[in-house]
C-alpha atoms as a PDB file:
ATOM      1  CA  MET A   1      14.822  17.381  -6.254  1.00  0.00           C
ATOM      2  CA  ASP A   2      13.179  17.597  -9.688  1.00  0.00           C
ATOM      3  CA  THR A   3      13.306  13.799 -10.113  1.00  0.00           C
ATOM      4  CA  ILE A   4      12.029  13.086  -6.586  1.00  0.00           C
ATOM      5  CA  GLN A   5       8.373  13.503  -5.717  1.00  0.00           C
ATOM      6  CA  ILE A   6       7.300  13.556  -2.029  1.00  0.00           C
ATOM      7  CA  ILE A   7       3.665  12.781  -1.215  1.00  0.00           C
ATOM      8  CA  CYS A   8       2.528  13.308   2.378  1.00  0.00           C
ATOM      9  CA  ASP A   9      -0.536  14.923   3.937  1.00  0.00           C
ATOM     10  CA  ASN A  10       1.470  16.265   6.907  1.00  0.00           C
ATOM     11  CA  THR A  11       3.316  19.456   5.924  1.00  0.00           C
ATOM     12  CA  TYR A  12       5.891  19.160   8.721  1.00  0.00           C
ATOM     13  CA  THR A  13       6.732  15.552   7.877  1.00  0.00           C
ATOM     14  CA  LYS A  14       6.972  16.429   4.177  1.00  0.00           C
ATOM     15  CA  LYS A  15       9.366  19.275   4.951  1.00  0.00           C
ATOM     16  CA  ALA A  16      11.511  17.071   7.209  1.00  0.00           C
ATOM     17  CA  ILE A  17      11.717  14.335   4.543  1.00  0.00           C
ATOM     18  CA  ALA A  18      12.631  16.945   1.906  1.00  0.00           C
ATOM     19  CA  GLU A  19      15.477  18.186   4.119  1.00  0.00           C
ATOM     20  CA  LEU A  20      16.678  14.622   4.722  1.00  0.00           C
ATOM     21  CA  ILE A  21      16.615  13.945   0.985  1.00  0.00           C
ATOM     22  CA  LEU A  22      18.678  17.070   0.298  1.00  0.00           C
ATOM     23  CA  ASN A  23      21.291  15.916   2.824  1.00  0.00           C
ATOM     24  CA  VAL A  24      21.304  12.315   1.576  1.00  0.00           C
ATOM     25  CA  ARG A  25      21.393  13.260  -2.113  1.00  0.00           C
ATOM     26  CA  SER A  26      24.514  15.388  -1.893  1.00  0.00           C
ATOM     27  CA  ASN A  27      26.712  12.403  -2.831  1.00  0.00           C
ATOM     28  CA  GLY A  28      24.932  11.223  -5.976  1.00  0.00           C
ATOM     29  CA  CYS A  29      22.207  11.905  -8.475  1.00  0.00           C
ATOM     30  CA  LEU A  30      19.440   9.642  -9.730  1.00  0.00           C
ATOM     31  CA  SER A  31      18.593   9.774 -13.387  1.00  0.00           C
ATOM     32  CA  LYS A  32      15.148   8.158 -12.935  1.00  0.00           C
ATOM     33  CA  LYS A  33      12.073   9.742 -11.434  1.00  0.00           C
ATOM     34  CA  VAL A  34      11.269   8.352  -7.979  1.00  0.00           C
ATOM     35  CA  ALA A  35       8.548   9.064  -5.428  1.00  0.00           C
ATOM     36  CA  VAL A  36       8.478   8.909  -1.647  1.00  0.00           C
ATOM     37  CA  PHE A  37       5.084   8.374  -0.019  1.00  0.00           C
ATOM     38  CA  ILE A  38       4.503   8.803   3.706  1.00  0.00           C
ATOM     39  CA  PHE A  39       1.283   7.372   5.156  1.00  0.00           C
ATOM     40  CA  GLU A  40       1.160   8.078   8.895  1.00  0.00           C
ATOM     41  CA  LYS A  41      -2.404   6.831   9.416  1.00  0.00           C
ATOM     42  CA  LYS A  42      -3.506   3.201   9.687  1.00  0.00           C
ATOM     43  CA  TRP A  43      -5.667   3.503   6.559  1.00  0.00           C
ATOM     44  CA  LEU A  44      -5.657   5.035   3.093  1.00  0.00           C
ATOM     45  CA  GLY A  45      -8.268   7.537   2.025  1.00  0.00           C
ATOM     46  CA  GLU A  46      -9.566   7.711  -1.534  1.00  0.00           C
ATOM     47  CA  GLN A  47      -7.350  10.729  -2.320  1.00  0.00           C
ATOM     48  CA  GLU A  48      -4.199   8.990  -1.048  1.00  0.00           C
ATOM     49  CA  LEU A  49      -5.050   5.807  -2.939  1.00  0.00           C
ATOM     50  CA  HIS A  50      -5.608   7.826  -6.111  1.00  0.00           C
ATOM     51  CA  GLU A  51      -2.242   9.604  -5.715  1.00  0.00           C
ATOM     52  CA  LEU A  52      -0.488   6.282  -5.172  1.00  0.00           C
ATOM     53  CA  MET A  53      -2.131   4.600  -8.153  1.00  0.00           C
ATOM     54  CA  SER A  54      -1.632   7.545 -10.522  1.00  0.00           C
ATOM     55  CA  CYS A  55       1.982   8.301  -9.577  1.00  0.00           C
ATOM     56  CA  ASP A  56       4.128   8.439 -12.722  1.00  0.00           C
ATOM     57  CA  ALA A  57       7.406   7.464 -11.020  1.00  0.00           C
ATOM     58  CA  ASN A  58       8.728   3.956 -11.692  1.00  0.00           C
ATOM     59  CA  ASP A  59      10.303   3.547  -8.267  1.00  0.00           C
ATOM     60  CA  LEU A  60       8.418   4.141  -5.023  1.00  0.00           C
ATOM     61  CA  LEU A  61       9.585   4.278  -1.422  1.00  0.00           C
ATOM     62  CA  ILE A  62       6.564   3.947   0.835  1.00  0.00           C
ATOM     63  CA  PHE A  63       6.821   4.783   4.519  1.00  0.00           C
ATOM     64  CA  ALA A  64       3.716   3.390   6.192  1.00  0.00           C
ATOM     65  CA  ARG A  65       2.540   1.598   9.274  1.00  0.00           C
ATOM     66  CA  PRO A  66       3.011  -2.182   9.172  1.00  0.00           C
ATOM     67  CA  GLU A  67      -0.796  -2.602   9.092  1.00  0.00           C
ATOM     68  CA  LEU A  68      -0.831  -1.032   5.613  1.00  0.00           C
ATOM     69  CA  TYR A  69       2.013  -3.075   4.064  1.00  0.00           C
ATOM     70  CA  ASP A  70      -0.084  -6.112   3.132  1.00  0.00           C
ATOM     71  CA  PHE A  71      -2.895  -3.940   1.826  1.00  0.00           C
ATOM     72  CA  ILE A  72      -0.546  -1.893  -0.359  1.00  0.00           C
ATOM     73  CA  LYS A  73       1.099  -5.091  -1.606  1.00  0.00           C
ATOM     74  CA  LEU A  74      -2.315  -6.238  -2.912  1.00  0.00           C
ATOM     75  CA  MET A  75      -2.237  -3.596  -5.635  1.00  0.00           C
ATOM     76  CA  ARG A  76      -1.336  -4.611  -9.183  1.00  0.00           C
ATOM     77  CA  TRP A  77       2.091  -3.031  -9.356  1.00  0.00           C
ATOM     78  CA  THR A  78       4.120  -2.456 -12.457  1.00  0.00           C
ATOM     79  CA  LYS A  79       6.437  -0.275 -10.397  1.00  0.00           C
ATOM     80  CA  ASN A  80       9.406  -1.080  -8.175  1.00  0.00           C
ATOM     81  CA  ILE A  81       8.517  -0.681  -4.511  1.00  0.00           C
ATOM     82  CA  ALA A  82      10.524  -0.430  -1.310  1.00  0.00           C
ATOM     83  CA  PHE A  83       8.901  -0.120   2.118  1.00  0.00           C
ATOM     84  CA  GLY A  84       9.903   1.657   5.308  1.00  0.00           C
ATOM     85  CA  ASP A  85       8.194   1.955   8.674  1.00  0.00           C
ATOM     86  CA  CYS A  86       6.882   5.500   9.230  1.00  0.00           C
ATOM     87  CA  SER A  87       7.160   5.033  13.001  1.00  0.00           C
ATOM     88  CA  ALA A  88      10.873   4.176  12.780  1.00  0.00           C
ATOM     89  CA  SER A  89      13.584   6.356  14.292  1.00  0.00           C
ATOM     90  CA  MET A  90      15.025   9.245  12.280  1.00  0.00           C
ATOM     91  CA  GLU A  91      18.272   7.266  11.833  1.00  0.00           C
ATOM     92  CA  GLU A  92      16.392   4.302  10.325  1.00  0.00           C
ATOM     93  CA  ILE A  93      14.401   6.577   8.004  1.00  0.00           C
ATOM     94  CA  THR A  94      17.605   8.338   6.936  1.00  0.00           C
ATOM     95  CA  PHE A  95      19.244   4.960   6.244  1.00  0.00           C
ATOM     96  CA  SER A  96      16.231   3.828   4.170  1.00  0.00           C
ATOM     97  CA  LEU A  97      16.393   7.057   2.160  1.00  0.00           C
ATOM     98  CA  GLN A  98      20.144   6.636   1.633  1.00  0.00           C
ATOM     99  CA  GLN A  99      19.668   3.082   0.376  1.00  0.00           C
ATOM    100  CA  PHE A 100      16.785   4.093  -1.874  1.00  0.00           C
ATOM    101  CA  LEU A 101      18.421   7.196  -3.324  1.00  0.00           C
ATOM    102  CA  SER A 102      21.951   5.848  -3.720  1.00  0.00           C
ATOM    103  CA  PRO A 103      22.701   5.243  -7.427  1.00  0.00           C
ATOM    104  CA  VAL A 104      24.703   2.150  -6.411  1.00  0.00           C
ATOM    105  CA  THR A 105      22.101   0.371  -4.254  1.00  0.00           C
ATOM    106  CA  HIS A 106      18.883   1.883  -5.661  1.00  0.00           C
ATOM    107  CA  SER A 107      18.097  -0.767  -8.277  1.00  0.00           C
ATOM    108  CA  PHE A 108      18.928  -3.596  -5.867  1.00  0.00           C
ATOM    109  CA  VAL A 109      16.721  -2.217  -3.072  1.00  0.00           C
ATOM    110  CA  CYS A 110      13.748  -1.781  -5.418  1.00  0.00           C
ATOM    111  CA  ARG A 111      14.201  -5.048  -7.295  1.00  0.00           C
ATOM    112  CA  SER A 112      14.584  -7.074  -4.109  1.00  0.00           C
ATOM    113  CA  ARG A 113      11.326  -5.712  -2.692  1.00  0.00           C
ATOM    114  CA  LYS A 114       9.253  -5.777  -5.856  1.00  0.00           C
ATOM    115  CA  ASN A 115       5.878  -7.359  -5.262  1.00  0.00           C
ATOM    116  CA  ARG A 116       3.557  -8.730  -7.915  1.00  0.00           C
ATOM    117  CA  CYS A 117       0.361  -9.053  -5.945  1.00  0.00           C
ATOM    118  CA  SER A 118       0.940 -12.390  -4.272  1.00  0.00           C
ATOM    119  CA  MET A 119      -2.193 -12.270  -2.114  1.00  0.00           C
ATOM    120  CA  MET A 120      -5.023 -11.483  -4.532  1.00  0.00           C
ATOM    121  CA  LEU A 121      -8.554 -12.307  -3.455  1.00  0.00           C
ATOM    122  CA  THR A 122     -10.170 -15.317  -5.080  1.00  0.00           C
ATOM    123  CA  ASN A 123     -13.248 -14.853  -7.290  1.00  0.00           C
ATOM    124  CA  THR A 124     -15.517 -16.169  -4.524  1.00  0.00           C
ATOM    125  CA  GLU A 125     -13.929 -13.847  -1.951  1.00  0.00           C
ATOM    126  CA  GLN A 126     -14.478 -10.913  -4.333  1.00  0.00           C
ATOM    127  CA  LYS A 127     -18.119 -11.857  -4.955  1.00  0.00           C
ATOM    128  CA  MET A 128     -18.665 -12.256  -1.213  1.00  0.00           C
ATOM    129  CA  MET A 129     -17.053  -8.861  -0.546  1.00  0.00           C
ATOM    130  CA  GLU A 130     -19.189  -7.127  -3.186  1.00  0.00           C
ATOM    131  CA  LEU A 131     -22.288  -8.512  -1.467  1.00  0.00           C
ATOM    132  CA  VAL A 132     -21.020  -7.483   2.004  1.00  0.00           C
ATOM    133  CA  LEU A 133     -20.477  -3.964   0.653  1.00  0.00           C
ATOM    134  CA  GLN A 134     -24.130  -3.952  -0.387  1.00  0.00           C
ATOM    135  CA  GLY A 135     -25.056  -4.639   3.245  1.00  0.00           C
ATOM    136  CA  ILE A 136     -26.046  -8.271   2.771  1.00  0.00           C
ATOM    137  CA  SER A 137     -25.505 -10.616   5.726  1.00  0.00           C
ATOM    138  CA  VAL A 138     -23.326 -13.745   5.600  1.00  0.00           C
ATOM    139  CA  GLY A 139     -26.437 -15.925   5.909  1.00  0.00           C
ATOM    140  CA  SER A 140     -28.075 -14.261   2.898  1.00  0.00           C
ATOM    141  CA  ILE A 141     -24.811 -14.397   0.927  1.00  0.00           C
ATOM    142  CA  SER A 142     -24.638 -18.151   1.523  1.00  0.00           C
ATOM    143  CA  LYS A 143     -28.108 -18.518  -0.018  1.00  0.00           C
ATOM    144  CA  ILE A 144     -27.292 -16.217  -2.958  1.00  0.00           C
ATOM    145  CA  LEU A 145     -24.035 -18.020  -3.779  1.00  0.00           C
ATOM    146  CA  ASN A 146     -25.541 -21.428  -2.973  1.00  0.00           C
ATOM    147  CA  ARG A 147     -22.798 -22.216  -0.453  1.00  0.00           C
ATOM    148  CA  GLU A 148     -22.778 -23.290   3.185  1.00  0.00           C
ATOM    149  CA  TYR A 149     -22.821 -20.585   5.854  1.00  0.00           C
ATOM    150  CA  LYS A 150     -19.470 -21.808   7.219  1.00  0.00           C
ATOM    151  CA  THR A 151     -17.913 -21.678   3.733  1.00  0.00           C
ATOM    152  CA  ILE A 152     -18.932 -18.041   3.267  1.00  0.00           C
ATOM    153  CA  SER A 153     -17.688 -17.241   6.788  1.00  0.00           C
ATOM    154  CA  LEU A 154     -14.354 -18.810   5.845  1.00  0.00           C
ATOM    155  CA  HIS A 155     -14.174 -16.746   2.636  1.00  0.00           C
ATOM    156  CA  LYS A 156     -14.960 -13.616   4.644  1.00  0.00           C
ATOM    157  CA  ARG A 157     -12.271 -14.453   7.219  1.00  0.00           C
ATOM    158  CA  ASN A 158      -9.722 -15.132   4.444  1.00  0.00           C
ATOM    159  CA  ALA A 159     -10.556 -11.834   2.715  1.00  0.00           C
ATOM    160  CA  MET A 160     -10.187  -9.979   6.009  1.00  0.00           C
ATOM    161  CA  LYS A 161      -6.823 -11.618   6.618  1.00  0.00           C
ATOM    162  CA  LYS A 162      -5.576 -10.790   3.108  1.00  0.00           C
ATOM    163  CA  LEU A 163      -6.739  -7.180   3.443  1.00  0.00           C
ATOM    164  CA  GLY A 164      -5.108  -6.875   6.860  1.00  0.00           C
ATOM    165  CA  THR A 165      -8.177  -6.150   8.947  1.00  0.00           C
ATOM    166  CA  ALA A 166      -9.958  -7.847  11.831  1.00  0.00           C
ATOM    167  CA  SER A 167     -13.272  -5.995  11.818  1.00  0.00           C
ATOM    168  CA  ASP A 168     -16.313  -5.730   9.574  1.00  0.00           C
ATOM    169  CA  ALA A 169     -15.813  -1.960   9.343  1.00  0.00           C
ATOM    170  CA  GLY A 170     -12.214  -2.537   8.212  1.00  0.00           C
ATOM    171  CA  LEU A 171     -13.409  -5.065   5.636  1.00  0.00           C
ATOM    172  CA  ILE A 172     -15.902  -2.563   4.252  1.00  0.00           C
ATOM    173  CA  HIS A 173     -13.306   0.239   4.061  1.00  0.00           C
ATOM    174  CA  ARG A 174     -10.493  -1.856   2.606  1.00  0.00           C
ATOM    175  CA  GLY A 175     -12.903  -3.817   0.426  1.00  0.00           C
ATOM    176  CA  ARG A 176     -14.081  -0.582  -1.205  1.00  0.00           C
ATOM    177  CA  MET A 177     -10.451   0.433  -1.798  1.00  0.00           C
ATOM    178  CA  TYR A 178      -9.568  -3.009  -3.150  1.00  0.00           C
ATOM    179  CA  LEU A 179     -12.458  -2.978  -5.622  1.00  0.00           C
ATOM    180  CA  MET A 180     -11.569   0.597  -6.688  1.00  0.00           C
ATOM    181  CA  MET A 181      -8.040  -0.587  -7.492  1.00  0.00           C
ATOM    182  CA  LYS A 182      -9.371  -3.294  -9.786  1.00  0.00           C
ATOM    183  CA  VAL A 183     -11.180  -0.816 -12.033  1.00  0.00           C
END
């Protein structure tokens, strides 16, 4: 297990995944360092985001809720990423681990799911989000950016869609995380 890193805030889940990995790994050995992340919540905290961004493994298997997939895909990845649903059955999780850890299929699984940030926010969406995070209303933002109210509302809606949220609170939370990733 020295080449496999498991990151999870739930001790029981981490232990169960470690046991699954031991069982799955008995037939082969990876030469590269890989990491398995398990995010059981519908959001990422600053600590989890930091661990994900600073992980030194080249290949990541991320078990998360579907609501987080698009948000995680927004990050500027130079790593190979494969996703799994954390609410899946134990058989499906075991199969995902087998595919990810198998020396034969590992590079194919990661390469086929590699994502290069296909849904980045536009410059106007980023400016709008920075102003929203400062507590400025859409009406005031339209005056500041010298744009129509409906145009700014559209930018806000597009940013919310790209960040995978439907509420202002979600936009503020994910917007903060998105801007932290850009630094």
